């Protein structure tokens, strides 16, 4: 049986009389690490909900460099542009950690939104929060020195996805490659900045996970650049 906790929560925003009908329109599928949910430029026809696992939203530039928009964790949705008439997906979505997703077609979703304006408002608010995060990231890295961009992304990642572990903050899945893609720099440059932060005991690696050892020191590093 497929796990449905996050789908249940998502459908809980619908009118009770519509929930079972909506559930029948969602279909589950599992993807392994490295598999794509969709590609940049594919026709936008489906909304996806992450039940478990992690996905990455990115675009590949002409020189082959990958730019990462954001990561998608359980309870996140992707492909939400179909709500406001998006015709093609503006990025690719690739699985970073084995994932279970739920999908519903545009043709099945839009009648639900028409039948329940409150549910439509919920989805619009959800999309608005994602846009706010995107604006915050753009403001974080625009025109800044690479050291400040790295510090900013680390601080944002702590607040958005960090996990408390014995007084340390663990950031799941974040690698030097990820940071370079998030801030539009090279992996070599990011590696130099990260090495400096490790030497100063601001960050560390434990069990292959990035750990923020001293958030206050990272804040001072960001503020003093």
N, C-alpha and C. Protein backbone atom coordinates (compact mmCIF):
# COMPACT_ATOMS: atom_id res chain seq x y z
N UNK A 1 0.86 -1.20 0.00
CA UNK A 1 0.00 0.00 0.00
C UNK A 1 0.88 1.23 0.00
N UNK A 2 0.51 2.24 -0.77
CA UNK A 2 1.28 3.47 -0.83
C UNK A 2 0.97 4.35 0.37
N UNK A 3 2.01 4.96 0.91
CA UNK A 3 1.86 5.89 2.02
C UNK A 3 1.07 7.10 1.54
N UNK A 4 0.13 7.58 2.37
CA UNK A 4 -0.75 8.66 1.92
C UNK A 4 -0.85 9.82 2.91
N UNK A 5 0.05 9.91 3.89
CA UNK A 5 -0.07 10.95 4.92
C UNK A 5 -0.15 12.35 4.31
N UNK A 6 0.77 12.66 3.41
CA UNK A 6 0.82 14.01 2.85
C UNK A 6 -0.32 14.25 1.85
N UNK A 7 -0.71 13.21 1.14
CA UNK A 7 -1.87 13.35 0.27
C UNK A 7 -3.12 13.62 1.10
N UNK A 8 -3.26 12.91 2.21
CA UNK A 8 -4.41 13.14 3.09
C UNK A 8 -4.43 14.58 3.59
N UNK A 9 -3.27 15.09 3.98
CA UNK A 9 -3.20 16.46 4.47
C UNK A 9 -3.57 17.45 3.36
N UNK A 10 -3.06 17.20 2.16
CA UNK A 10 -3.36 18.06 1.02
C UNK A 10 -4.86 18.07 0.73
N UNK A 11 -5.47 16.88 0.69
CA UNK A 11 -6.90 16.79 0.39
C UNK A 11 -7.76 17.30 1.54
N UNK A 12 -7.17 17.40 2.72
CA UNK A 12 -7.91 17.92 3.87
C UNK A 12 -8.32 19.37 3.71
N UNK A 13 -7.74 20.07 2.73
CA UNK A 13 -8.11 21.45 2.47
C UNK A 13 -9.31 21.56 1.53
N UNK A 14 -9.75 20.43 1.01
CA UNK A 14 -10.93 20.38 0.15
C UNK A 14 -12.20 20.21 0.99
N UNK A 15 -13.34 20.56 0.42
CA UNK A 15 -14.62 20.24 1.05
C UNK A 15 -14.72 18.73 1.23
N UNK A 16 -15.31 18.32 2.33
CA UNK A 16 -15.41 16.88 2.62
C UNK A 16 -16.07 16.11 1.48
N UNK A 17 -17.08 16.71 0.90
CA UNK A 17 -17.81 16.00 -0.16
C UNK A 17 -17.01 15.78 -1.42
N UNK A 18 -15.87 16.47 -1.55
CA UNK A 18 -15.05 16.35 -2.77
C UNK A 18 -13.81 15.49 -2.57
N UNK A 19 -13.52 15.15 -1.32
CA UNK A 19 -12.22 14.51 -1.04
C UNK A 19 -12.07 13.13 -1.68
N UNK A 20 -13.09 12.31 -1.58
CA UNK A 20 -12.98 10.97 -2.15
C UNK A 20 -12.91 11.03 -3.67
N UNK A 21 -13.67 11.93 -4.25
CA UNK A 21 -13.61 12.10 -5.70
C UNK A 21 -12.21 12.55 -6.11
N UNK A 22 -11.65 13.49 -5.36
CA UNK A 22 -10.31 13.99 -5.67
C UNK A 22 -9.26 12.90 -5.50
N UNK A 23 -9.41 12.12 -4.43
CA UNK A 23 -8.43 11.04 -4.19
C UNK A 23 -8.38 10.08 -5.38
N UNK A 24 -9.53 9.81 -5.97
CA UNK A 24 -9.56 8.86 -7.08
C UNK A 24 -8.86 9.41 -8.32
N UNK A 25 -8.64 10.72 -8.36
CA UNK A 25 -7.98 11.35 -9.51
C UNK A 25 -6.46 11.36 -9.37
N UNK A 26 -5.97 11.16 -8.16
CA UNK A 26 -4.52 11.13 -7.92
C UNK A 26 -3.98 9.72 -8.14
N UNK A 27 -2.87 9.61 -8.81
CA UNK A 27 -2.23 8.30 -8.99
C UNK A 27 -0.79 8.38 -8.49
N UNK A 28 -0.31 7.33 -7.82
CA UNK A 28 1.04 7.33 -7.27
C UNK A 28 2.06 6.78 -8.26
N UNK A 29 3.29 7.24 -8.13
CA UNK A 29 4.38 6.60 -8.86
C UNK A 29 5.69 6.86 -8.14
N UNK A 30 6.56 5.87 -8.23
CA UNK A 30 7.84 5.95 -7.54
C UNK A 30 8.96 6.17 -8.55
N UNK A 31 9.94 6.96 -8.15
CA UNK A 31 11.09 7.23 -9.00
C UNK A 31 12.37 7.05 -8.19
N UNK A 32 13.40 6.57 -8.88
CA UNK A 32 14.70 6.39 -8.24
C UNK A 32 15.55 7.64 -8.41
N UNK A 33 16.61 7.72 -7.64
CA UNK A 33 17.55 8.83 -7.75
C UNK A 33 18.05 8.96 -9.19
N UNK A 34 18.03 10.18 -9.71
CA UNK A 34 18.51 10.43 -11.06
C UNK A 34 17.43 10.40 -12.13
N UNK A 35 16.25 9.87 -11.80
CA UNK A 35 15.15 9.87 -12.77
C UNK A 35 14.47 11.23 -12.78
N UNK A 36 13.94 11.60 -13.95
CA UNK A 36 13.30 12.90 -14.10
C UNK A 36 11.78 12.77 -13.98
N UNK A 37 11.19 13.75 -13.29
CA UNK A 37 9.74 13.84 -13.22
C UNK A 37 9.24 14.46 -14.53
N UNK A 38 9.90 15.54 -14.95
CA UNK A 38 9.66 16.17 -16.24
C UNK A 38 10.88 16.99 -16.62
N UNK A 39 10.93 17.41 -17.88
CA UNK A 39 12.05 18.19 -18.38
C UNK A 39 11.62 19.62 -18.68
N UNK A 40 12.59 20.53 -18.60
CA UNK A 40 12.39 21.92 -18.99
C UNK A 40 11.82 21.97 -20.41
N UNK A 41 10.67 22.63 -20.58
CA UNK A 41 10.05 22.75 -21.90
C UNK A 41 9.00 21.71 -22.21
N UNK A 42 8.86 20.69 -21.34
CA UNK A 42 7.78 19.71 -21.55
C UNK A 42 6.42 20.39 -21.38
N UNK A 43 5.40 19.92 -22.08
CA UNK A 43 4.05 20.48 -21.88
C UNK A 43 3.63 20.37 -20.42
N UNK A 44 3.15 21.46 -19.85
CA UNK A 44 2.71 21.47 -18.45
C UNK A 44 1.28 20.95 -18.39
N UNK A 45 1.12 19.74 -17.89
CA UNK A 45 -0.20 19.12 -17.90
C UNK A 45 -0.56 18.47 -16.57
N UNK A 46 0.39 18.47 -15.61
CA UNK A 46 0.19 17.68 -14.39
C UNK A 46 0.71 18.42 -13.16
N UNK A 47 -0.02 18.29 -12.06
CA UNK A 47 0.44 18.76 -10.75
C UNK A 47 0.95 17.56 -9.97
N UNK A 48 2.08 17.75 -9.27
CA UNK A 48 2.69 16.67 -8.50
C UNK A 48 2.77 17.06 -7.03
N UNK A 49 2.56 16.08 -6.17
CA UNK A 49 2.72 16.25 -4.73
C UNK A 49 3.77 15.26 -4.24
N UNK A 50 4.73 15.74 -3.46
CA UNK A 50 5.79 14.87 -2.93
C UNK A 50 5.30 14.21 -1.65
N UNK A 51 5.17 12.90 -1.68
CA UNK A 51 4.80 12.14 -0.48
C UNK A 51 6.04 11.82 0.35
N UNK A 52 7.10 11.39 -0.34
CA UNK A 52 8.36 11.09 0.35
C UNK A 52 9.51 11.28 -0.63
N UNK A 53 10.72 11.44 -0.09
CA UNK A 53 11.89 11.63 -0.94
C UNK A 53 12.19 13.09 -1.18
N UNK A 54 13.13 13.36 -2.10
CA UNK A 54 13.57 14.72 -2.40
C UNK A 54 13.74 14.86 -3.91
N UNK A 55 13.28 15.99 -4.44
CA UNK A 55 13.47 16.31 -5.86
C UNK A 55 14.22 17.64 -5.98
N UNK A 56 14.79 17.87 -7.12
CA UNK A 56 15.54 19.10 -7.39
C UNK A 56 14.98 19.76 -8.64
N UNK A 57 14.70 21.06 -8.54
CA UNK A 57 14.24 21.83 -9.70
C UNK A 57 15.43 22.59 -10.27
N UNK A 58 15.75 22.38 -11.56
CA UNK A 58 16.94 23.02 -12.11
C UNK A 58 16.76 23.32 -13.61
N UNK A 59 17.68 24.11 -14.11
CA UNK A 59 17.81 24.32 -15.55
C UNK A 59 19.28 24.14 -15.91
N UNK A 60 19.51 23.72 -17.15
CA UNK A 60 20.88 23.55 -17.63
C UNK A 60 21.16 24.61 -18.68
N UNK A 61 22.18 25.43 -18.44
CA UNK A 61 22.53 26.49 -19.38
C UNK A 61 23.24 25.90 -20.60
N UNK A 62 23.43 26.75 -21.61
CA UNK A 62 24.05 26.29 -22.85
C UNK A 62 25.45 25.74 -22.67
N UNK A 63 26.16 26.22 -21.64
CA UNK A 63 27.52 25.73 -21.39
C UNK A 63 27.54 24.46 -20.56
N UNK A 64 26.34 23.92 -20.27
CA UNK A 64 26.25 22.69 -19.50
C UNK A 64 26.19 22.89 -18.00
N UNK A 65 26.26 24.13 -17.55
CA UNK A 65 26.23 24.40 -16.12
C UNK A 65 24.80 24.30 -15.60
N UNK A 66 24.65 23.62 -14.46
CA UNK A 66 23.34 23.43 -13.86
C UNK A 66 23.06 24.54 -12.84
N UNK A 67 21.91 25.18 -12.97
CA UNK A 67 21.47 26.17 -12.00
C UNK A 67 20.28 25.59 -11.25
N UNK A 68 20.39 25.52 -9.92
CA UNK A 68 19.35 24.93 -9.09
C UNK A 68 18.42 26.02 -8.56
N UNK A 69 17.13 25.89 -8.84
CA UNK A 69 16.15 26.83 -8.30
C UNK A 69 15.88 26.54 -6.83
N UNK A 70 15.53 25.27 -6.54
CA UNK A 70 15.22 24.90 -5.18
C UNK A 70 15.09 23.38 -5.10
N UNK A 71 14.97 22.90 -3.86
CA UNK A 71 14.72 21.49 -3.62
C UNK A 71 13.27 21.31 -3.19
N UNK A 72 12.74 20.13 -3.44
CA UNK A 72 11.35 19.83 -3.10
C UNK A 72 11.32 18.65 -2.14
N UNK A 73 10.70 18.87 -0.99
CA UNK A 73 10.64 17.89 0.08
C UNK A 73 9.21 17.41 0.27
N UNK A 74 9.00 16.38 1.11
CA UNK A 74 7.64 15.92 1.35
C UNK A 74 6.69 17.06 1.72
N UNK A 75 5.50 17.03 1.16
CA UNK A 75 4.42 18.03 1.27
C UNK A 75 4.54 19.12 0.21
N UNK A 76 5.69 19.23 -0.48
CA UNK A 76 5.83 20.23 -1.54
C UNK A 76 5.04 19.80 -2.78
N UNK A 77 4.66 20.79 -3.58
CA UNK A 77 4.04 20.52 -4.87
C UNK A 77 4.93 21.07 -5.97
N UNK A 78 4.84 20.51 -7.14
CA UNK A 78 5.54 21.03 -8.31
C UNK A 78 4.64 20.88 -9.52
N UNK A 79 4.88 21.77 -10.48
CA UNK A 79 4.00 21.82 -11.64
C UNK A 79 2.78 22.67 -11.38
N UNK A 80 2.85 23.50 -10.31
CA UNK A 80 1.68 24.29 -9.92
C UNK A 80 1.32 25.37 -10.94
N UNK A 81 2.18 25.60 -11.93
CA UNK A 81 1.88 26.59 -12.96
C UNK A 81 0.62 26.28 -13.75
N UNK A 82 0.20 25.02 -13.74
CA UNK A 82 -1.03 24.68 -14.47
C UNK A 82 -2.24 25.38 -13.87
N UNK A 83 -2.12 25.81 -12.61
CA UNK A 83 -3.23 26.50 -11.95
C UNK A 83 -3.52 27.83 -12.64
N UNK A 84 -2.47 28.49 -13.12
CA UNK A 84 -2.66 29.81 -13.73
C UNK A 84 -2.33 29.81 -15.23
N UNK A 85 -2.46 28.64 -15.87
CA UNK A 85 -2.39 28.58 -17.33
C UNK A 85 -1.03 28.38 -17.93
N UNK A 86 -0.04 27.98 -17.15
CA UNK A 86 1.30 27.72 -17.68
C UNK A 86 1.23 26.61 -18.73
N UNK A 87 1.87 26.83 -19.86
CA UNK A 87 1.79 25.86 -20.95
C UNK A 87 2.94 24.86 -20.96
N UNK A 88 4.13 25.29 -20.52
CA UNK A 88 5.29 24.38 -20.46
C UNK A 88 5.97 24.54 -19.11
N UNK A 89 6.64 23.49 -18.66
CA UNK A 89 7.39 23.57 -17.41
C UNK A 89 8.64 24.42 -17.63
N UNK A 90 8.92 25.41 -16.75
CA UNK A 90 10.06 26.31 -16.95
C UNK A 90 11.37 25.77 -16.38
N UNK A 91 11.35 24.55 -15.87
CA UNK A 91 12.56 23.93 -15.32
C UNK A 91 12.39 22.41 -15.39
N UNK A 92 13.48 21.70 -15.14
CA UNK A 92 13.42 20.25 -15.03
C UNK A 92 13.31 19.85 -13.56
N UNK A 93 12.69 18.72 -13.29
CA UNK A 93 12.59 18.19 -11.94
C UNK A 93 13.20 16.80 -11.94
N UNK A 94 14.26 16.61 -11.14
CA UNK A 94 14.97 15.33 -11.09
C UNK A 94 14.99 14.84 -9.65
N UNK A 95 14.91 13.55 -9.48
CA UNK A 95 14.86 12.96 -8.15
C UNK A 95 16.27 12.90 -7.54
N UNK A 96 16.39 13.40 -6.32
CA UNK A 96 17.66 13.38 -5.59
C UNK A 96 17.71 12.22 -4.60
N UNK A 97 16.55 11.84 -4.11
CA UNK A 97 16.45 10.74 -3.15
C UNK A 97 15.16 9.99 -3.47
N UNK A 98 15.25 8.66 -3.56
CA UNK A 98 14.10 7.85 -3.97
C UNK A 98 12.78 8.45 -3.46
N UNK A 99 11.84 8.63 -4.35
CA UNK A 99 10.64 9.40 -4.02
C UNK A 99 9.35 8.70 -4.42
N UNK A 100 8.33 8.97 -3.63
CA UNK A 100 6.96 8.61 -3.99
C UNK A 100 6.22 9.92 -4.25
N UNK A 101 5.67 10.06 -5.44
CA UNK A 101 4.93 11.24 -5.83
C UNK A 101 3.49 10.86 -6.15
N UNK A 102 2.61 11.85 -5.98
CA UNK A 102 1.23 11.72 -6.45
C UNK A 102 1.05 12.70 -7.60
N UNK A 103 0.28 12.33 -8.60
CA UNK A 103 0.06 13.23 -9.73
C UNK A 103 -1.42 13.30 -10.07
N UNK A 104 -1.82 14.49 -10.53
CA UNK A 104 -3.18 14.71 -10.98
C UNK A 104 -3.12 15.59 -12.23
N UNK A 105 -3.90 15.27 -13.23
CA UNK A 105 -3.85 16.02 -14.48
C UNK A 105 -4.53 17.37 -14.34
N UNK A 106 -4.16 18.28 -15.23
CA UNK A 106 -4.82 19.60 -15.27
C UNK A 106 -6.34 19.45 -15.43
N UNK A 107 -6.75 18.54 -16.32
CA UNK A 107 -8.18 18.37 -16.60
C UNK A 107 -8.95 17.87 -15.38
N UNK A 108 -8.28 17.13 -14.50
CA UNK A 108 -8.95 16.65 -13.29
C UNK A 108 -8.85 17.66 -12.14
N UNK A 109 -7.79 18.47 -12.13
CA UNK A 109 -7.58 19.41 -11.03
C UNK A 109 -8.46 20.65 -11.15
N UNK A 110 -8.53 21.23 -12.34
CA UNK A 110 -9.23 22.50 -12.49
C UNK A 110 -10.71 22.44 -12.09
N UNK A 111 -11.44 21.37 -12.41
CA UNK A 111 -12.84 21.30 -11.93
C UNK A 111 -12.94 21.30 -10.40
N UNK A 112 -11.95 20.72 -9.71
CA UNK A 112 -11.95 20.74 -8.25
C UNK A 112 -11.79 22.17 -7.73
N UNK A 113 -10.95 22.93 -8.40
CA UNK A 113 -10.73 24.33 -8.00
C UNK A 113 -12.00 25.15 -8.23
N UNK A 114 -12.70 24.87 -9.32
CA UNK A 114 -13.95 25.58 -9.61
C UNK A 114 -15.03 25.22 -8.59
N UNK A 115 -15.00 23.96 -8.13
CA UNK A 115 -16.03 23.49 -7.20
C UNK A 115 -15.77 23.95 -5.77
N UNK A 116 -14.53 24.32 -5.46
CA UNK A 116 -14.17 24.71 -4.09
C UNK A 116 -13.24 25.91 -4.12
N UNK A 117 -13.78 27.13 -4.16
CA UNK A 117 -12.94 28.33 -4.21
C UNK A 117 -11.96 28.44 -3.05
N UNK A 118 -12.33 27.91 -1.88
CA UNK A 118 -11.42 27.96 -0.73
C UNK A 118 -10.18 27.12 -1.00
N UNK A 119 -10.35 26.00 -1.69
CA UNK A 119 -9.21 25.16 -2.04
C UNK A 119 -8.33 25.87 -3.06
N UNK A 120 -8.94 26.57 -4.00
CA UNK A 120 -8.18 27.36 -4.95
C UNK A 120 -7.35 28.42 -4.21
N UNK A 121 -7.98 29.08 -3.23
CA UNK A 121 -7.27 30.10 -2.45
C UNK A 121 -6.09 29.48 -1.71
N UNK A 122 -6.28 28.27 -1.17
CA UNK A 122 -5.20 27.57 -0.47
C UNK A 122 -4.02 27.33 -1.41
N UNK A 123 -4.30 26.86 -2.62
CA UNK A 123 -3.22 26.59 -3.57
C UNK A 123 -2.54 27.88 -4.01
N UNK A 124 -3.31 28.94 -4.21
CA UNK A 124 -2.71 30.23 -4.59
C UNK A 124 -1.79 30.72 -3.48
N UNK A 125 -2.21 30.57 -2.23
CA UNK A 125 -1.37 30.96 -1.10
C UNK A 125 -0.09 30.12 -1.05
N UNK A 126 -0.23 28.83 -1.33
CA UNK A 126 0.91 27.91 -1.35
C UNK A 126 1.92 28.38 -2.40
N UNK A 127 1.42 28.68 -3.59
CA UNK A 127 2.29 29.16 -4.66
C UNK A 127 2.92 30.49 -4.29
N UNK A 128 2.18 31.35 -3.63
CA UNK A 128 2.72 32.64 -3.21
C UNK A 128 3.88 32.49 -2.26
N UNK A 129 3.79 31.53 -1.33
CA UNK A 129 4.91 31.31 -0.40
C UNK A 129 6.15 30.84 -1.15
N UNK A 130 5.95 29.99 -2.16
CA UNK A 130 7.09 29.53 -2.95
C UNK A 130 7.74 30.70 -3.69
N UNK A 131 6.91 31.60 -4.21
CA UNK A 131 7.45 32.77 -4.89
C UNK A 131 8.22 33.66 -3.92
N UNK A 132 7.70 33.82 -2.71
CA UNK A 132 8.39 34.62 -1.71
C UNK A 132 9.78 34.05 -1.42
N UNK A 133 9.87 32.72 -1.32
CA UNK A 133 11.16 32.08 -1.08
C UNK A 133 12.11 32.32 -2.25
N UNK A 134 11.56 32.27 -3.47
CA UNK A 134 12.38 32.51 -4.65
C UNK A 134 12.91 33.94 -4.68
N UNK A 135 12.05 34.91 -4.33
CA UNK A 135 12.47 36.30 -4.29
C UNK A 135 13.55 36.51 -3.23
N UNK A 136 13.35 35.85 -2.07
CA UNK A 136 14.33 35.99 -0.99
C UNK A 136 15.68 35.45 -1.43
N UNK A 137 15.67 34.32 -2.14
CA UNK A 137 16.93 33.75 -2.62
C UNK A 137 17.58 34.67 -3.64
N UNK A 138 16.79 35.22 -4.58
CA UNK A 138 17.34 36.11 -5.60
C UNK A 138 17.97 37.34 -4.95
N UNK A 139 17.28 37.89 -3.95
CA UNK A 139 17.81 39.05 -3.25
C UNK A 139 19.08 38.69 -2.48
N UNK A 140 19.11 37.46 -1.99
CA UNK A 140 20.24 36.97 -1.20
C UNK A 140 21.52 36.92 -2.01
N UNK A 141 21.42 36.55 -3.29
CA UNK A 141 22.64 36.31 -4.07
C UNK A 141 22.93 37.39 -5.10
N UNK A 142 21.97 38.26 -5.37
CA UNK A 142 22.15 39.24 -6.45
C UNK A 142 23.25 40.24 -6.12
N UNK A 143 24.28 40.29 -6.96
CA UNK A 143 25.33 41.29 -6.84
C UNK A 143 26.25 41.13 -5.66
N UNK A 144 26.16 40.02 -4.92
CA UNK A 144 26.99 39.84 -3.74
C UNK A 144 28.26 39.07 -4.07
N UNK A 145 29.28 39.28 -3.24
CA UNK A 145 30.49 38.47 -3.35
C UNK A 145 30.13 37.01 -3.11
N UNK A 146 30.93 36.11 -3.72
CA UNK A 146 30.59 34.70 -3.63
C UNK A 146 30.60 34.20 -2.19
N UNK A 147 31.51 34.73 -1.35
CA UNK A 147 31.55 34.30 0.05
C UNK A 147 30.24 34.65 0.76
N UNK A 148 29.71 35.82 0.46
CA UNK A 148 28.46 36.24 1.09
C UNK A 148 27.28 35.42 0.55
N UNK A 149 27.33 35.09 -0.73
CA UNK A 149 26.28 34.26 -1.31
C UNK A 149 26.26 32.88 -0.67
N UNK A 150 27.44 32.31 -0.46
CA UNK A 150 27.51 30.99 0.18
C UNK A 150 26.93 31.06 1.59
N UNK A 151 27.34 32.05 2.36
CA UNK A 151 26.86 32.19 3.73
C UNK A 151 25.34 32.39 3.75
N UNK A 152 24.84 33.17 2.82
CA UNK A 152 23.41 33.45 2.76
C UNK A 152 22.62 32.18 2.47
N UNK A 153 23.08 31.39 1.50
CA UNK A 153 22.38 30.14 1.16
C UNK A 153 22.42 29.17 2.34
N UNK A 154 23.53 29.10 3.04
CA UNK A 154 23.61 28.22 4.21
C UNK A 154 22.62 28.66 5.28
N UNK A 155 22.54 29.96 5.53
CA UNK A 155 21.62 30.47 6.54
C UNK A 155 20.17 30.21 6.14
N UNK A 156 19.85 30.42 4.84
CA UNK A 156 18.48 30.15 4.37
C UNK A 156 18.16 28.67 4.48
N UNK A 157 19.14 27.81 4.19
CA UNK A 157 18.90 26.38 4.23
C UNK A 157 18.67 25.91 5.67
N UNK A 158 19.36 26.52 6.62
CA UNK A 158 19.12 26.18 8.03
C UNK A 158 17.68 26.47 8.39
N UNK A 159 17.21 27.65 8.00
CA UNK A 159 15.87 28.07 8.39
C UNK A 159 14.79 27.26 7.70
N UNK A 160 15.04 26.84 6.43
CA UNK A 160 14.01 26.17 5.66
C UNK A 160 14.00 24.66 5.84
N UNK A 161 15.20 24.03 5.95
CA UNK A 161 15.24 22.57 5.98
C UNK A 161 16.13 22.01 7.06
N UNK A 162 16.71 22.88 7.89
CA UNK A 162 17.65 22.41 8.90
C UNK A 162 16.99 21.54 9.96
N UNK A 163 17.77 20.59 10.49
CA UNK A 163 17.30 19.68 11.53
C UNK A 163 18.21 19.83 12.74
N UNK A 164 17.62 20.02 13.92
CA UNK A 164 18.40 20.16 15.15
C UNK A 164 18.90 18.79 15.57
N UNK A 165 20.19 18.70 15.88
CA UNK A 165 20.78 17.42 16.30
C UNK A 165 21.88 17.70 17.32
N UNK A 166 21.53 17.54 18.61
CA UNK A 166 22.50 17.74 19.68
C UNK A 166 23.16 19.11 19.61
N UNK A 167 22.36 20.13 19.40
CA UNK A 167 22.88 21.49 19.38
C UNK A 167 23.47 21.92 18.06
N UNK A 168 23.54 21.01 17.08
CA UNK A 168 24.06 21.34 15.75
C UNK A 168 22.89 21.36 14.77
N UNK A 169 23.09 22.07 13.67
CA UNK A 169 22.06 22.15 12.64
C UNK A 169 22.51 21.39 11.41
N UNK A 170 21.78 20.35 11.06
CA UNK A 170 22.11 19.51 9.91
C UNK A 170 21.27 19.95 8.72
N UNK A 171 21.94 20.15 7.56
CA UNK A 171 21.23 20.51 6.34
C UNK A 171 21.20 19.30 5.42
N UNK A 172 20.05 18.65 5.25
CA UNK A 172 19.99 17.45 4.42
C UNK A 172 20.34 17.72 2.96
N UNK A 173 21.11 16.81 2.38
CA UNK A 173 21.32 16.74 0.93
C UNK A 173 22.23 17.81 0.33
N UNK A 174 22.64 18.83 1.07
CA UNK A 174 23.35 19.96 0.47
C UNK A 174 24.83 19.65 0.29
N UNK A 175 25.31 19.72 -0.97
CA UNK A 175 26.71 19.49 -1.30
C UNK A 175 27.30 20.75 -1.92
N UNK A 176 28.63 20.74 -2.12
CA UNK A 176 29.26 21.88 -2.79
C UNK A 176 28.69 22.09 -4.19
N UNK A 177 28.40 21.00 -4.87
CA UNK A 177 27.78 21.09 -6.20
C UNK A 177 26.43 21.78 -6.11
N UNK A 178 25.64 21.42 -5.08
CA UNK A 178 24.34 22.04 -4.90
C UNK A 178 24.47 23.54 -4.65
N UNK A 179 25.39 23.91 -3.77
CA UNK A 179 25.56 25.32 -3.42
C UNK A 179 25.99 26.12 -4.65
N UNK A 180 26.91 25.55 -5.44
CA UNK A 180 27.35 26.26 -6.65
C UNK A 180 26.18 26.46 -7.61
N UNK A 181 25.30 25.45 -7.70
CA UNK A 181 24.13 25.57 -8.57
C UNK A 181 23.12 26.57 -8.03
N UNK A 182 23.01 26.66 -6.72
CA UNK A 182 22.06 27.58 -6.11
C UNK A 182 22.49 29.04 -6.22
N UNK A 183 23.81 29.29 -6.20
CA UNK A 183 24.28 30.69 -6.19
C UNK A 183 24.87 31.13 -7.52
N UNK A 184 24.94 30.21 -8.51
CA UNK A 184 25.46 30.59 -9.82
C UNK A 184 26.95 30.79 -9.84
N UNK A 185 27.69 29.97 -9.09
CA UNK A 185 29.15 30.06 -9.07
C UNK A 185 29.72 28.72 -9.51
N UNK A 186 31.06 28.58 -9.42
CA UNK A 186 31.69 27.31 -9.78
C UNK A 186 31.87 26.46 -8.53
N UNK A 187 31.90 25.16 -8.72
CA UNK A 187 32.08 24.26 -7.59
C UNK A 187 33.44 24.47 -6.93
N UNK A 188 34.46 24.81 -7.74
CA UNK A 188 35.81 25.05 -7.20
C UNK A 188 35.82 26.24 -6.26
N UNK A 189 35.13 27.32 -6.66
CA UNK A 189 35.08 28.52 -5.82
C UNK A 189 34.32 28.23 -4.53
N UNK A 190 33.20 27.54 -4.64
CA UNK A 190 32.44 27.18 -3.45
C UNK A 190 33.27 26.30 -2.53
N UNK A 191 34.02 25.37 -3.09
CA UNK A 191 34.86 24.47 -2.29
C UNK A 191 35.88 25.25 -1.46
N UNK A 192 36.44 26.30 -2.05
CA UNK A 192 37.41 27.11 -1.30
C UNK A 192 36.75 27.82 -0.12
N UNK A 193 35.55 28.37 -0.37
CA UNK A 193 34.84 29.06 0.71
C UNK A 193 34.45 28.07 1.81
N UNK A 194 33.95 26.91 1.42
CA UNK A 194 33.54 25.91 2.40
C UNK A 194 34.73 25.40 3.21
N UNK A 195 35.88 25.24 2.55
CA UNK A 195 37.08 24.80 3.26
C UNK A 195 37.48 25.81 4.32
N UNK A 196 37.35 27.09 3.99
CA UNK A 196 37.67 28.14 4.96
C UNK A 196 36.73 28.08 6.16
N UNK A 197 35.44 27.87 5.89
CA UNK A 197 34.47 27.79 6.97
C UNK A 197 34.71 26.55 7.85
N UNK A 198 35.16 25.47 7.23
CA UNK A 198 35.48 24.26 8.00
C UNK A 198 36.69 24.50 8.91
N UNK A 199 37.71 25.17 8.37
CA UNK A 199 38.90 25.45 9.17
C UNK A 199 38.58 26.33 10.36
N UNK A 200 37.59 27.20 10.20
CA UNK A 200 37.20 28.10 11.28
C UNK A 200 36.14 27.47 12.19
N UNK A 201 35.84 26.17 11.96
CA UNK A 201 34.87 25.42 12.76
C UNK A 201 33.47 26.03 12.75
N UNK A 202 33.14 26.65 11.64
CA UNK A 202 31.78 27.17 11.46
C UNK A 202 30.87 26.07 10.94
N UNK A 203 31.41 25.24 10.05
CA UNK A 203 30.65 24.12 9.49
C UNK A 203 31.49 22.85 9.60
N UNK A 204 30.85 21.72 9.37
CA UNK A 204 31.55 20.45 9.37
C UNK A 204 30.76 19.41 8.60
N UNK A 205 31.32 18.22 8.48
CA UNK A 205 30.64 17.10 7.82
C UNK A 205 30.57 15.95 8.82
N UNK A 206 29.35 15.47 9.05
CA UNK A 206 29.15 14.32 9.94
C UNK A 206 28.18 13.36 9.27
N UNK A 207 28.60 12.10 9.18
CA UNK A 207 27.76 11.08 8.52
C UNK A 207 27.33 11.53 7.13
N UNK A 208 28.29 12.17 6.41
CA UNK A 208 28.10 12.62 5.04
C UNK A 208 27.06 13.73 4.91
N UNK A 209 26.70 14.37 6.02
CA UNK A 209 25.75 15.47 5.99
C UNK A 209 26.46 16.76 6.40
N UNK A 210 26.07 17.87 5.77
CA UNK A 210 26.61 19.17 6.12
C UNK A 210 26.02 19.61 7.45
N UNK A 211 26.89 20.02 8.37
CA UNK A 211 26.47 20.43 9.70
C UNK A 211 26.92 21.85 9.97
N UNK A 212 26.02 22.70 10.44
CA UNK A 212 26.37 24.04 10.88
C UNK A 212 26.72 23.95 12.36
N UNK A 213 27.98 24.14 12.67
CA UNK A 213 28.46 24.00 14.05
C UNK A 213 28.23 25.27 14.85
N UNK A 214 28.26 26.41 14.19
CA UNK A 214 28.16 27.69 14.90
C UNK A 214 27.37 28.68 14.06
N UNK A 215 26.05 28.73 14.30
CA UNK A 215 25.19 29.61 13.51
C UNK A 215 25.55 31.07 13.72
N UNK A 216 25.87 31.44 14.95
CA UNK A 216 26.22 32.83 15.24
C UNK A 216 27.48 33.25 14.49
N UNK A 217 28.45 32.35 14.43
CA UNK A 217 29.69 32.66 13.70
C UNK A 217 29.40 32.81 12.21
N UNK A 218 28.48 31.98 11.69
CA UNK A 218 28.10 32.09 10.28
C UNK A 218 27.40 33.43 10.03
N UNK A 219 26.55 33.85 10.97
CA UNK A 219 25.89 35.15 10.84
C UNK A 219 26.93 36.28 10.83
N UNK A 220 27.93 36.19 11.73
CA UNK A 220 28.96 37.22 11.78
C UNK A 220 29.76 37.22 10.50
N UNK A 221 30.05 36.03 9.97
CA UNK A 221 30.79 35.92 8.71
C UNK A 221 30.03 36.62 7.60
N UNK A 222 28.69 36.37 7.55
CA UNK A 222 27.84 37.00 6.54
C UNK A 222 27.81 38.52 6.71
N UNK A 223 27.64 38.99 7.94
CA UNK A 223 27.48 40.41 8.19
C UNK A 223 28.77 41.19 7.97
N UNK A 224 29.93 40.53 8.16
CA UNK A 224 31.20 41.24 8.09
C UNK A 224 31.81 41.28 6.70
N UNK A 225 31.23 40.56 5.76
CA UNK A 225 31.79 40.54 4.41
C UNK A 225 31.49 41.85 3.68
